[in-house]
Amino acid sequence: MTVGEMQPMAGPVWVRVVVTGGRGWRAGRDLDNAAKAILDFLVRRGLLEDDCAEIVQRLTLIYQAPKRRGALAGVTVTVREMSEP
């Protein structure tokens, strides 16, 4: 599902962010800074009501090394409603 296909979520939600390194990802970059930018984007687009702890109750950050030399960096974001705490 792309951002344009997402329906707004009021929460509580679990946000999973997978960053794949590569061209465009600076070595030594803080992973937590990427998460803040992504959460802020989801709020600005109206896909999340807010990025406060009451709404985003679980946040998972994963970094993966590039699969092949010279590959572009990428990000995959999954937002799911929380079914249990």
C-alpha atoms as a PDB file:
ATOM      1  CA  MET A   1       0.000   0.000   0.000  1.00  0.00           C
ATOM      2  CA  THR A   2       1.331   3.440  -0.830  1.00  0.00           C
ATOM      3  CA  VAL A   3       0.883   6.615   1.208  1.00  0.00           C
ATOM      4  CA  GLY A   4      -1.916   7.719  -1.123  1.00  0.00           C
ATOM      5  CA  GLU A   5      -3.851   4.514  -0.395  1.00  0.00           C
ATOM      6  CA  MET A   6      -3.624   4.745   3.413  1.00  0.00           C
ATOM      7  CA  GLN A   7      -6.655   5.638   5.478  1.00  0.00           C
ATOM      8  CA  PRO A   8      -6.194   8.019   8.454  1.00  0.00           C
ATOM      9  CA  MET A   9      -5.651   6.237  11.785  1.00  0.00           C
ATOM     10  CA  ALA A  10      -6.637   7.697  15.164  1.00  0.00           C
ATOM     11  CA  GLY A  11      -4.677   5.120  17.161  1.00  0.00           C
ATOM     12  CA  PRO A  12      -3.444   3.438  19.058  1.00  0.00           C
ATOM     13  CA  VAL A  13      -1.005   2.178  16.423  1.00  0.00           C
ATOM     14  CA  TRP A  14       2.257   0.308  15.958  1.00  0.00           C
ATOM     15  CA  VAL A  15       4.685   1.916  13.504  1.00  0.00           C
ATOM     16  CA  ARG A  16       7.472  -0.252  12.068  1.00  0.00           C
ATOM     17  CA  VAL A  17      10.257   1.518  10.152  1.00  0.00           C
ATOM     18  CA  VAL A  18      12.833  -0.473   8.161  1.00  0.00           C
ATOM     19  CA  VAL A  19      15.699   1.590   6.754  1.00  0.00           C
ATOM     20  CA  THR A  20      17.893  -0.090   4.157  1.00  0.00           C
ATOM     21  CA  GLY A  21      21.262   1.598   3.803  1.00  0.00           C
ATOM     22  CA  GLY A  22      22.862   2.443   0.504  1.00  0.00           C
ATOM     23  CA  ARG A  23      23.430   5.475  -1.683  1.00  0.00           C
ATOM     24  CA  GLY A  24      21.744   8.424   0.015  1.00  0.00           C
ATOM     25  CA  TRP A  25      22.170   7.085   3.558  1.00  0.00           C
ATOM     26  CA  ARG A  26      25.127   8.739   5.280  1.00  0.00           C
ATOM     27  CA  ALA A  27      27.246   6.374   7.367  1.00  0.00           C
ATOM     28  CA  GLY A  28      26.938   7.265  11.042  1.00  0.00           C
ATOM     29  CA  ARG A  29      23.452   8.778  10.675  1.00  0.00           C
ATOM     30  CA  ASP A  30      21.241   8.358  13.743  1.00  0.00           C
ATOM     31  CA  LEU A  31      18.375   5.957  13.072  1.00  0.00           C
ATOM     32  CA  ASP A  32      16.116   7.692  15.605  1.00  0.00           C
ATOM     33  CA  ASN A  33      16.260  10.929  13.585  1.00  0.00           C
ATOM     34  CA  ALA A  34      14.830   9.095  10.579  1.00  0.00           C
ATOM     35  CA  ALA A  35      11.929   7.855  12.715  1.00  0.00           C
ATOM     36  CA  LYS A  36      11.043  11.394  13.840  1.00  0.00           C
ATOM     37  CA  ALA A  37      10.985  12.658  10.261  1.00  0.00           C
ATOM     38  CA  ILE A  38       8.781   9.747   9.153  1.00  0.00           C
ATOM     39  CA  LEU A  39       6.308  10.184  12.028  1.00  0.00           C
ATOM     40  CA  ASP A  40       6.109  13.930  11.377  1.00  0.00           C
ATOM     41  CA  PHE A  41       5.430  13.202   7.682  1.00  0.00           C
ATOM     42  CA  LEU A  42       2.590  10.793   8.548  1.00  0.00           C
ATOM     43  CA  VAL A  43       0.996  13.449  10.783  1.00  0.00           C
ATOM     44  CA  ARG A  44       1.395  16.248   8.191  1.00  0.00           C
ATOM     45  CA  ARG A  45      -0.255  14.050   5.539  1.00  0.00           C
ATOM     46  CA  GLY A  46      -3.154  13.401   7.910  1.00  0.00           C
ATOM     47  CA  LEU A  47      -2.454   9.661   8.119  1.00  0.00           C
ATOM     48  CA  LEU A  48      -1.917   9.794  11.877  1.00  0.00           C
ATOM     49  CA  GLU A  49      -3.880  12.070  14.175  1.00  0.00           C
ATOM     50  CA  ASP A  50      -0.694  12.781  16.175  1.00  0.00           C
ATOM     51  CA  ASP A  51       2.643  11.104  16.891  1.00  0.00           C
ATOM     52  CA  CYS A  52       2.300  11.288  20.667  1.00  0.00           C
ATOM     53  CA  ALA A  53       2.675   8.174  22.855  1.00  0.00           C
ATOM     54  CA  GLU A  54      -1.109   7.827  23.234  1.00  0.00           C
ATOM     55  CA  ILE A  55      -1.408   7.323  19.467  1.00  0.00           C
ATOM     56  CA  VAL A  56       1.931   5.686  18.560  1.00  0.00           C
ATOM     57  CA  GLN A  57       2.141   3.145  21.362  1.00  0.00           C
ATOM     58  CA  ARG A  58       4.766   0.948  19.715  1.00  0.00           C
ATOM     59  CA  LEU A  59       7.618   2.050  17.463  1.00  0.00           C
ATOM     60  CA  THR A  60      10.046  -0.413  15.918  1.00  0.00           C
ATOM     61  CA  LEU A  61      13.198   0.802  14.130  1.00  0.00           C
ATOM     62  CA  ILE A  62      15.259  -1.593  12.044  1.00  0.00           C
ATOM     63  CA  TYR A  63      18.392  -0.909  10.007  1.00  0.00           C
ATOM     64  CA  GLN A  64      19.419  -3.277   7.224  1.00  0.00           C
ATOM     65  CA  ALA A  65      22.697  -3.104   5.365  1.00  0.00           C
ATOM     66  CA  PRO A  66      22.353  -2.666   1.594  1.00  0.00           C
ATOM     67  CA  LYS A  67      21.790  -5.934  -0.228  1.00  0.00           C
ATOM     68  CA  ARG A  68      24.215  -5.060  -3.010  1.00  0.00           C
ATOM     69  CA  ARG A  69      26.966  -2.553  -3.595  1.00  0.00           C
ATOM     70  CA  GLY A  70      25.740   0.727  -5.097  1.00  0.00           C
ATOM     71  CA  ALA A  71      22.061   0.129  -4.255  1.00  0.00           C
ATOM     72  CA  LEU A  72      19.916   3.115  -3.330  1.00  0.00           C
ATOM     73  CA  ALA A  73      18.884   3.555   0.293  1.00  0.00           C
ATOM     74  CA  GLY A  74      15.220   2.977   1.074  1.00  0.00           C
ATOM     75  CA  VAL A  75      12.594   3.055   3.782  1.00  0.00           C
ATOM     76  CA  THR A  76       9.596   0.807   4.372  1.00  0.00           C
ATOM     77  CA  VAL A  77       6.978   1.986   6.861  1.00  0.00           C
ATOM     78  CA  THR A  78       4.191  -0.210   8.215  1.00  0.00           C
ATOM     79  CA  VAL A  79       1.396   1.233  10.367  1.00  0.00           C
ATOM     80  CA  ARG A  80      -0.962  -1.171  12.105  1.00  0.00           C
ATOM     81  CA  GLU A  81      -3.737  -0.713  14.607  1.00  0.00           C
ATOM     82  CA  MET A  82      -2.793  -2.089  18.000  1.00  0.00           C
ATOM     83  CA  SER A  83      -4.845  -5.163  18.765  1.00  0.00           C
ATOM     84  CA  GLU A  84      -3.312  -5.633  22.204  1.00  0.00           C
ATOM     85  CA  PRO A  85      -1.009  -3.569  24.433  1.00  0.00           C
END
